[in-house]
Amino acid sequence: MKEVIYRDGIRQSAELGVLAPQATKLLEEILGASGGLVTAEWDRGEDARGQAVVILRLSDFSGSVTATFEPTELESPAHLRARLRRLWGELLQVRSHKQLQELLGASGG
């Protein structure tokens, strides 16, 4: 990956400090060769009920997408893989949309 950032909320939690890097390895497998263009930023937050959540922001030259995970989701590789693939797909859609707009702009369309 281009860069992986673990914010204080992740680093200060013993559990999340282990789970987020494990999830990053899975994410790197999913991204493959395209990973060199992507920055991943992990942070800790709270949902509307005040429960701890993990926030992952993926970004590249075209924009960014964000997903929120329950901490237990990071413990289930199969579930996590599906969520990370979906998030990667969302970033690819952002990228495709930006590139299409650039092509249409360049052609005067």
C-alpha atoms as a PDB file:
ATOM      1  CA  MET A   1       0.000   0.000   0.000  1.00  0.00           C
ATOM      2  CA  LYS A   2       1.052   3.560  -0.538  1.00  0.00           C
ATOM      3  CA  GLU A   3       0.549   4.340   3.148  1.00  0.00           C
ATOM      4  CA  VAL A   4      -1.182   2.846   6.188  1.00  0.00           C
ATOM      5  CA  ILE A   5      -2.115   5.174   9.032  1.00  0.00           C
ATOM      6  CA  TYR A   6      -3.189   3.990  12.462  1.00  0.00           C
ATOM      7  CA  ARG A   7      -4.684   6.895  14.404  1.00  0.00           C
ATOM      8  CA  ASP A   8      -4.282   7.196  18.190  1.00  0.00           C
ATOM      9  CA  GLY A   9      -7.630   5.553  18.903  1.00  0.00           C
ATOM     10  CA  ILE A  10      -6.386   2.363  17.251  1.00  0.00           C
ATOM     11  CA  ARG A  11      -2.873   2.451  18.695  1.00  0.00           C
ATOM     12  CA  GLN A  12      -4.149   3.074  22.229  1.00  0.00           C
ATOM     13  CA  SER A  13      -6.385  -0.010  22.208  1.00  0.00           C
ATOM     14  CA  ALA A  14      -4.603  -3.306  22.827  1.00  0.00           C
ATOM     15  CA  GLU A  15      -7.303  -5.240  20.940  1.00  0.00           C
ATOM     16  CA  LEU A  16      -7.596  -2.881  17.966  1.00  0.00           C
ATOM     17  CA  GLY A  17      -3.841  -2.425  17.853  1.00  0.00           C
ATOM     18  CA  VAL A  18      -3.638  -6.115  16.927  1.00  0.00           C
ATOM     19  CA  LEU A  19      -6.808  -6.450  14.820  1.00  0.00           C
ATOM     20  CA  ALA A  20      -6.271  -3.449  12.520  1.00  0.00           C
ATOM     21  CA  PRO A  21      -2.825  -4.586  11.260  1.00  0.00           C
ATOM     22  CA  GLN A  22      -4.234  -8.089  10.690  1.00  0.00           C
ATOM     23  CA  ALA A  23      -7.093  -6.570   8.703  1.00  0.00           C
ATOM     24  CA  THR A  24      -4.567  -4.482   6.759  1.00  0.00           C
ATOM     25  CA  LYS A  25      -2.785  -7.654   5.629  1.00  0.00           C
ATOM     26  CA  LEU A  26      -6.092  -9.002   4.346  1.00  0.00           C
ATOM     27  CA  LEU A  27      -6.784  -5.689   2.611  1.00  0.00           C
ATOM     28  CA  GLU A  28      -3.366  -5.798   0.928  1.00  0.00           C
ATOM     29  CA  GLU A  29      -4.198  -9.259  -0.460  1.00  0.00           C
ATOM     30  CA  ILE A  30      -7.470  -7.919  -1.863  1.00  0.00           C
ATOM     31  CA  LEU A  31      -5.887  -4.821  -3.423  1.00  0.00           C
ATOM     32  CA  GLY A  32      -3.056  -6.772  -5.026  1.00  0.00           C
ATOM     33  CA  ALA A  33      -0.909  -4.758  -7.420  1.00  0.00           C
ATOM     34  CA  SER A  34      -3.275  -1.776  -7.182  1.00  0.00           C
ATOM     35  CA  GLY A  35      -2.414  -1.385  -3.518  1.00  0.00           C
ATOM     36  CA  GLY A  36       0.523   0.880  -4.334  1.00  0.00           C
ATOM     37  CA  LEU A  37      -1.949   3.646  -5.175  1.00  0.00           C
ATOM     38  CA  VAL A  38      -4.057   3.356  -2.037  1.00  0.00           C
ATOM     39  CA  THR A  39      -3.784   4.890   1.431  1.00  0.00           C
ATOM     40  CA  ALA A  40      -5.595   3.184   4.307  1.00  0.00           C
ATOM     41  CA  GLU A  41      -6.419   5.130   7.433  1.00  0.00           C
ATOM     42  CA  TRP A  42      -7.709   3.335  10.519  1.00  0.00           C
ATOM     43  CA  ASP A  43      -9.362   5.149  13.402  1.00  0.00           C
ATOM     44  CA  ARG A  44     -11.597   4.449  16.361  1.00  0.00           C
ATOM     45  CA  GLY A  45     -14.920   6.159  16.858  1.00  0.00           C
ATOM     46  CA  GLU A  46     -18.314   5.680  18.454  1.00  0.00           C
ATOM     47  CA  ASP A  47     -21.652   4.830  16.923  1.00  0.00           C
ATOM     48  CA  ALA A  48     -24.954   6.509  17.807  1.00  0.00           C
ATOM     49  CA  ARG A  49     -25.270   4.242  20.858  1.00  0.00           C
ATOM     50  CA  GLY A  50     -21.833   5.205  22.163  1.00  0.00           C
ATOM     51  CA  GLN A  51     -20.342   1.820  21.248  1.00  0.00           C
ATOM     52  CA  ALA A  52     -16.789   1.618  19.925  1.00  0.00           C
ATOM     53  CA  VAL A  53     -16.438   1.225  16.149  1.00  0.00           C
ATOM     54  CA  VAL A  54     -13.508   1.026  13.783  1.00  0.00           C
ATOM     55  CA  ILE A  55     -13.414   3.435  10.859  1.00  0.00           C
ATOM     56  CA  LEU A  56     -11.470   2.601   7.710  1.00  0.00           C
ATOM     57  CA  ARG A  57     -10.910   5.235   5.037  1.00  0.00           C
ATOM     58  CA  LEU A  58      -9.418   4.178   1.703  1.00  0.00           C
ATOM     59  CA  SER A  59      -8.187   6.900  -0.605  1.00  0.00           C
ATOM     60  CA  ASP A  60      -6.272   7.349  -3.820  1.00  0.00           C
ATOM     61  CA  PHE A  61      -5.824  10.041  -6.486  1.00  0.00           C
ATOM     62  CA  SER A  62      -9.528   9.890  -7.346  1.00  0.00           C
ATOM     63  CA  GLY A  63     -11.115  10.308  -3.931  1.00  0.00           C
ATOM     64  CA  SER A  64     -11.964   8.303  -0.847  1.00  0.00           C
ATOM     65  CA  VAL A  65     -14.504   5.924   0.665  1.00  0.00           C
ATOM     66  CA  THR A  66     -15.181   5.077   4.291  1.00  0.00           C
ATOM     67  CA  ALA A  67     -16.599   2.085   6.142  1.00  0.00           C
ATOM     68  CA  THR A  68     -17.445   1.572   9.783  1.00  0.00           C
ATOM     69  CA  PHE A  69     -16.896  -1.804  11.424  1.00  0.00           C
ATOM     70  CA  GLU A  70     -17.934  -3.281  14.731  1.00  0.00           C
ATOM     71  CA  PRO A  71     -14.716  -4.466  16.429  1.00  0.00           C
ATOM     72  CA  THR A  72     -15.981  -8.073  16.299  1.00  0.00           C
ATOM     73  CA  GLU A  73     -16.164  -7.841  12.492  1.00  0.00           C
ATOM     74  CA  LEU A  74     -12.377  -7.582  12.409  1.00  0.00           C
ATOM     75  CA  GLU A  75     -12.205 -10.985  14.116  1.00  0.00           C
ATOM     76  CA  SER A  76     -14.083 -12.807  11.330  1.00  0.00           C
ATOM     77  CA  PRO A  77     -11.822 -13.175   8.264  1.00  0.00           C
ATOM     78  CA  ALA A  78     -14.584 -14.337   5.902  1.00  0.00           C
ATOM     79  CA  HIS A  79     -16.927 -11.512   6.862  1.00  0.00           C
ATOM     80  CA  LEU A  80     -14.108  -8.971   6.889  1.00  0.00           C
ATOM     81  CA  ARG A  81     -12.916 -10.071   3.442  1.00  0.00           C
ATOM     82  CA  ALA A  82     -16.409  -9.474   2.016  1.00  0.00           C
ATOM     83  CA  ARG A  83     -16.659  -6.023   3.615  1.00  0.00           C
ATOM     84  CA  LEU A  84     -13.173  -5.012   2.436  1.00  0.00           C
ATOM     85  CA  ARG A  85     -13.916  -6.201  -1.112  1.00  0.00           C
ATOM     86  CA  ARG A  86     -17.098  -4.125  -1.121  1.00  0.00           C
ATOM     87  CA  LEU A  87     -15.210  -1.052   0.102  1.00  0.00           C
ATOM     88  CA  TRP A  88     -12.510  -1.579  -2.541  1.00  0.00           C
ATOM     89  CA  GLY A  89     -15.256  -1.831  -5.166  1.00  0.00           C
ATOM     90  CA  GLU A  90     -16.669   1.483  -3.975  1.00  0.00           C
ATOM     91  CA  LEU A  91     -13.281   3.167  -4.380  1.00  0.00           C
ATOM     92  CA  LEU A  92     -12.945   1.680  -7.871  1.00  0.00           C
ATOM     93  CA  GLN A  93     -16.353   3.163  -8.728  1.00  0.00           C
ATOM     94  CA  VAL A  94     -15.162   6.581  -7.541  1.00  0.00           C
ATOM     95  CA  ARG A  95     -12.043   6.163  -9.665  1.00  0.00           C
ATOM     96  CA  SER A  96     -14.013   5.087 -12.751  1.00  0.00           C
ATOM     97  CA  HIS A  97     -16.443   7.982 -12.365  1.00  0.00           C
ATOM     98  CA  LYS A  98     -13.600  10.492 -12.087  1.00  0.00           C
ATOM     99  CA  GLN A  99     -11.803   9.056 -15.109  1.00  0.00           C
ATOM    100  CA  LEU A 100     -15.024   9.084 -17.143  1.00  0.00           C
ATOM    101  CA  GLN A 101     -15.637  12.716 -16.237  1.00  0.00           C
ATOM    102  CA  GLU A 102     -12.079  13.572 -17.284  1.00  0.00           C
ATOM    103  CA  LEU A 103     -12.547  11.807 -20.615  1.00  0.00           C
ATOM    104  CA  LEU A 104     -15.873  13.516 -21.263  1.00  0.00           C
ATOM    105  CA  GLY A 105     -14.358  16.869 -20.314  1.00  0.00           C
ATOM    106  CA  ALA A 106     -11.362  16.329 -22.579  1.00  0.00           C
ATOM    107  CA  SER A 107     -13.616  15.424 -25.519  1.00  0.00           C
ATOM    108  CA  GLY A 108     -15.868  18.409 -24.940  1.00  0.00           C
ATOM    109  CA  GLY A 109     -18.818  16.077 -24.191  1.00  0.00           C
END
